[in-house]
Amino acid sequence: MNHILTRRSIRQYSGRDIEPKLLDRLLTEAARTQTMGNLQLYSVVVTRSVEGKAALAPAHFNQPMVTQAPVVLTICADFRRTSTWAKCRKAEPGYDNLLSFMNAATDALLFTQTFCNLAEEEGLGLCYLGTTIYMPQPIIDALKLPKLVFPVATLTVGWPAEEPPLSDRLPLESFVHNEEYHDPTPADIDRFYTAKEALPENQEFVRINKKETLAQIFTDIRYPKKDNELMSRSFYETLRKQGFVK
């Protein structure tokens, strides 16, 4: 079976280390992924030390896997290296803008996903931390990221010490649109989401949080508007500090 069909987020790791040669090989292979203009607009900060992981942990809400995993990878949108190259070769870079950030972030995320696929083929377990873009400034400070470098993804990586159940996924028709976008109707929403809403674990989330629907778990508790707006302002300000917004 294709491993992608059985992939899981792994948050508990064995005490086994990851050999540097294996990690370097996977990072090298991941660099064959798609990239804008063949510029490879990303950098990866590898954190193995206890001190380094402890410094990163608060930015990820102190989730235990950050300090317990043998390796933490922070993947950054990086236009600094390319800009420095340009200046060293009698060229004037113009990459201190939002479009350049989006291009570099896309490169970085493509690299991240390719690395995930390769690492899981080797039997490694990973957890993708969405918290990276919630509080980028502490990560920038901990890793001493200069201007035109911005963290966009974090992976905890190690040999699995658990086999959690597979997460549910929406049906193909919910996200594939033929020829043009089909705006979902209430009837479509019923078809797309009824199975997810009926899962016992999701019904339990609704019950213990005293909500009426699963959607309210996301809008009221997990990703509420006030938090989104607060972190959006912080994200924009950090983009400005890092030189991507004037």
Protein backbone atom coordinates (compact mmCIF):
# COMPACT_ATOMS: atom_id res chain seq x y z
CA MET A 1 0.00 0.00 0.00
CA ASN A 2 1.13 3.53 -0.77
CA HIS A 3 2.52 4.90 2.52
CA ILE A 4 0.70 8.21 2.04
CA LEU A 5 -2.59 6.40 2.63
CA THR A 6 -1.47 5.35 6.11
CA ARG A 7 0.46 8.45 7.20
CA ARG A 8 -0.04 9.67 10.74
CA SER A 9 1.16 12.62 12.78
CA ILE A 10 3.64 11.19 15.28
CA ARG A 11 4.08 13.03 18.57
CA GLN A 12 5.83 10.35 20.63
CA TYR A 13 9.32 9.17 19.72
CA SER A 14 11.66 6.39 20.81
CA GLY A 15 15.04 7.21 22.30
CA ARG A 16 16.78 6.26 19.06
CA ASP A 17 18.71 9.09 17.44
CA ILE A 18 18.61 10.02 13.76
CA GLU A 19 21.98 9.50 12.11
CA PRO A 20 23.34 12.73 10.60
CA LYS A 21 24.09 10.90 7.33
CA LEU A 22 20.46 9.81 7.01
CA LEU A 23 19.12 13.28 7.76
CA ASP A 24 21.57 14.89 5.31
CA ARG A 25 20.57 12.42 2.60
CA LEU A 26 16.86 13.12 3.10
CA LEU A 27 17.44 16.89 3.05
CA THR A 28 19.52 16.54 -0.11
CA GLU A 29 16.88 14.43 -1.82
CA ALA A 30 14.10 16.84 -0.76
CA ALA A 31 15.97 19.63 -2.52
CA ARG A 32 14.99 18.02 -5.84
CA THR A 33 11.45 19.31 -5.30
CA GLN A 34 9.92 22.08 -7.41
CA THR A 35 11.33 25.57 -6.88
CA MET A 36 10.68 28.99 -8.42
CA GLY A 37 13.33 29.88 -10.99
CA ASN A 38 15.53 27.09 -9.61
CA LEU A 39 16.49 29.50 -6.79
CA GLN A 40 15.65 27.21 -3.84
CA LEU A 41 14.20 30.03 -1.76
CA TYR A 42 14.36 28.20 1.56
CA SER A 43 16.70 27.37 4.41
CA VAL A 44 16.39 24.66 7.06
CA VAL A 45 17.59 25.13 10.63
CA VAL A 46 18.33 21.77 12.27
CA THR A 47 17.95 21.77 16.05
CA ARG A 48 19.30 18.80 18.00
CA SER A 49 20.53 20.31 21.26
CA VAL A 50 18.50 20.26 24.43
CA GLU A 51 19.05 23.98 24.82
CA GLY A 52 17.99 24.75 21.27
CA LYS A 53 14.77 22.78 21.53
CA ALA A 54 13.98 24.36 24.89
CA ALA A 55 14.37 27.80 23.30
CA LEU A 56 11.92 26.89 20.54
CA ALA A 57 9.34 25.21 22.74
CA PRO A 58 7.50 28.34 23.99
CA ALA A 59 6.80 29.44 20.41
CA HIS A 60 5.02 26.10 19.92
CA PHE A 61 2.95 26.39 23.12
CA ASN A 62 5.39 23.99 24.85
CA GLN A 63 4.01 20.96 23.07
CA PRO A 64 6.00 18.01 24.50
CA MET A 65 7.20 16.64 21.15
CA VAL A 66 9.29 19.78 20.54
CA THR A 67 11.68 18.90 23.36
CA GLN A 68 11.27 15.12 23.13
CA ALA A 69 11.94 14.63 19.42
CA PRO A 70 15.60 13.99 18.54
CA VAL A 71 15.44 16.55 15.73
CA VAL A 72 13.40 19.70 15.14
CA LEU A 73 13.50 21.23 11.67
CA THR A 74 12.50 24.84 11.10
CA ILE A 75 11.96 25.52 7.41
CA CYS A 76 12.26 29.16 6.43
CA ALA A 77 11.31 31.28 3.46
CA ASP A 78 14.73 32.68 2.56
CA PHE A 79 15.43 35.47 0.10
CA ARG A 80 18.50 36.66 1.99
CA ARG A 81 20.88 34.13 0.45
CA THR A 82 19.65 34.90 -3.07
CA SER A 83 19.84 38.65 -2.43
CA THR A 84 23.38 38.35 -1.08
CA TRP A 85 24.36 36.29 -4.11
CA ALA A 86 22.94 38.98 -6.39
CA LYS A 87 24.87 41.75 -4.63
CA CYS A 88 28.09 39.72 -4.82
CA ARG A 89 27.59 39.33 -8.58
CA LYS A 90 26.93 42.95 -9.59
CA ALA A 91 23.15 42.52 -9.55
CA GLU A 92 20.64 44.59 -7.58
CA PRO A 93 18.00 42.44 -5.83
CA GLY A 94 14.42 43.61 -5.42
CA TYR A 95 13.01 40.96 -3.12
CA ASP A 96 12.00 43.00 -0.07
CA ASN A 97 8.28 42.73 -0.80
CA LEU A 98 5.22 40.58 -0.17
CA LEU A 99 5.32 38.79 -3.53
CA SER A 100 8.85 37.64 -2.83
CA PHE A 101 7.78 36.34 0.57
CA MET A 102 4.95 34.38 -1.02
CA ASN A 103 7.32 32.86 -3.59
CA ALA A 104 9.84 31.91 -0.92
CA ALA A 105 7.14 30.56 1.40
CA THR A 106 5.78 28.41 -1.43
CA ASP A 107 9.27 27.05 -2.11
CA ALA A 108 9.75 26.32 1.58
CA LEU A 109 6.45 24.48 1.93
CA LEU A 110 7.05 22.41 -1.20
CA PHE A 111 10.41 21.40 0.26
CA THR A 112 8.74 20.60 3.58
CA GLN A 113 6.16 18.28 2.06
CA THR A 114 8.74 16.49 -0.09
CA PHE A 115 10.94 15.96 2.95
CA CYS A 116 7.95 14.56 4.88
CA ASN A 117 7.22 12.03 2.16
CA LEU A 118 10.85 10.91 1.96
CA ALA A 119 11.30 10.69 5.73
CA GLU A 120 8.15 8.65 6.20
CA GLU A 121 9.31 6.25 3.47
CA GLU A 122 12.37 5.64 5.67
CA GLY A 123 10.12 4.80 8.62
CA LEU A 124 10.58 8.09 10.45
CA GLY A 125 7.67 9.79 12.16
CA LEU A 126 6.88 13.48 11.91
CA CYS A 127 4.57 16.11 13.26
CA TYR A 128 3.94 19.31 11.31
CA LEU A 129 3.57 22.25 13.70
CA GLY A 130 1.16 24.90 12.47
CA THR A 131 2.18 27.05 15.42
CA THR A 132 5.17 28.32 13.45
CA ILE A 133 3.18 31.10 11.82
CA TYR A 134 1.26 31.89 15.01
CA MET A 135 4.29 33.28 16.80
CA PRO A 136 7.15 33.72 14.34
CA GLN A 137 9.06 36.35 16.31
CA PRO A 138 10.20 34.05 19.15
CA ILE A 139 11.43 31.56 16.54
CA ILE A 140 13.27 34.33 14.69
CA ASP A 141 14.90 35.37 17.97
CA ALA A 142 15.82 31.83 19.02
CA LEU A 143 17.35 30.96 15.65
CA LYS A 144 18.87 34.42 15.00
CA LEU A 145 17.18 34.72 11.62
CA PRO A 146 18.28 37.85 9.71
CA LYS A 147 16.12 40.04 7.49
CA LEU A 148 14.51 38.34 4.46
CA VAL A 149 14.40 35.03 6.35
CA PHE A 150 11.06 33.98 7.85
CA PRO A 151 9.99 30.68 9.49
CA VAL A 152 7.01 29.07 7.78
CA ALA A 153 7.05 25.43 8.94
CA THR A 154 8.37 23.28 11.77
CA LEU A 155 8.73 19.51 11.85
CA THR A 156 9.48 17.33 14.84
CA VAL A 157 11.23 14.21 13.53
CA GLY A 158 12.10 10.88 15.12
CA TRP A 159 11.52 7.15 15.17
CA PRO A 160 7.88 6.51 16.13
CA ALA A 161 6.93 5.24 19.59
CA GLU A 162 3.21 5.22 18.81
CA GLU A 163 0.76 4.30 16.07
CA PRO A 164 -2.19 6.66 16.43
CA PRO A 165 -5.39 6.10 14.42
CA LEU A 166 -5.69 7.57 10.95
CA SER A 167 -7.33 10.97 10.72
CA ASP A 168 -10.50 11.28 8.68
CA ARG A 169 -10.48 13.10 5.35
CA LEU A 170 -13.21 14.84 3.35
CA PRO A 171 -14.43 13.09 0.18
CA LEU A 172 -12.83 13.90 -3.17
CA GLU A 173 -15.89 15.75 -4.44
CA SER A 174 -15.60 18.28 -1.63
CA PHE A 175 -12.33 19.73 -2.90
CA VAL A 176 -12.02 18.80 -6.59
CA HIS A 177 -13.84 21.13 -9.00
CA ASN A 178 -14.17 20.26 -12.68
CA GLU A 179 -13.61 23.15 -15.09
CA GLU A 180 -14.77 25.83 -12.66
CA TYR A 181 -15.34 26.34 -8.95
CA HIS A 182 -18.60 24.98 -7.59
CA ASP A 183 -19.81 27.00 -4.61
CA PRO A 184 -21.10 24.40 -2.10
CA THR A 185 -24.80 24.46 -1.31
CA PRO A 186 -26.23 23.48 2.09
CA ALA A 187 -27.03 20.07 0.58
CA ASP A 188 -23.39 19.72 -0.53
CA ILE A 189 -22.20 20.60 2.96
CA ASP A 190 -24.42 17.87 4.38
CA ARG A 191 -22.84 15.32 2.02
CA PHE A 192 -19.29 16.51 2.63
CA TYR A 193 -19.36 16.82 6.42
CA THR A 194 -21.96 14.40 7.81
CA ALA A 195 -19.49 11.51 8.10
CA LYS A 196 -16.92 13.68 9.89
CA GLU A 197 -19.53 15.05 12.26
CA ALA A 198 -20.77 11.54 13.06
CA LEU A 199 -17.38 10.24 14.23
CA PRO A 200 -17.58 9.36 17.95
CA GLU A 201 -14.48 11.36 18.82
CA ASN A 202 -15.90 14.46 17.14
CA GLN A 203 -19.25 14.05 18.83
CA GLU A 204 -17.38 13.80 22.12
CA PHE A 205 -15.52 17.07 21.36
CA VAL A 206 -18.87 18.76 20.87
CA ARG A 207 -20.29 17.29 24.08
CA ILE A 208 -17.41 18.09 26.44
CA ASN A 209 -17.11 21.63 25.07
CA LYS A 210 -20.85 22.21 25.43
CA LYS A 211 -21.33 23.18 21.79
CA GLU A 212 -24.10 22.42 19.32
CA THR A 213 -22.01 21.55 16.27
CA LEU A 214 -18.48 20.46 15.34
CA ALA A 215 -18.09 23.66 13.32
CA GLN A 216 -18.44 25.65 16.56
CA ILE A 217 -15.43 23.80 17.97
CA PHE A 218 -13.34 25.37 15.22
CA THR A 219 -14.91 28.83 15.13
CA ASP A 220 -15.31 29.32 18.89
CA ILE A 221 -12.49 27.31 20.46
CA ARG A 222 -9.72 26.16 18.15
CA TYR A 223 -9.45 29.08 15.71
CA PRO A 224 -11.62 31.94 16.99
CA LYS A 225 -11.84 35.24 15.12
CA LYS A 226 -10.19 37.30 17.88
CA ASP A 227 -7.12 35.03 17.88
CA ASN A 228 -6.92 35.05 14.09
CA GLU A 229 -7.03 38.83 14.01
CA LEU A 230 -4.47 39.20 16.81
CA MET A 231 -2.02 36.78 15.21
CA SER A 232 -2.61 38.33 11.78
CA ARG A 233 -1.50 41.70 13.13
CA SER A 234 1.53 40.11 14.77
CA PHE A 235 2.37 38.17 11.60
CA TYR A 236 2.20 41.31 9.46
CA GLU A 237 4.37 43.24 11.91
CA THR A 238 6.96 40.46 11.90
CA LEU A 239 6.96 40.43 8.09
CA ARG A 240 7.72 44.15 8.26
CA LYS A 241 10.58 43.64 10.74
CA GLN A 242 12.04 40.92 8.56
CA GLY A 243 12.01 43.19 5.52
CA PHE A 244 9.24 41.66 3.43
CA VAL A 245 6.74 44.50 3.98
CA LYS A 246 7.57 48.20 3.84
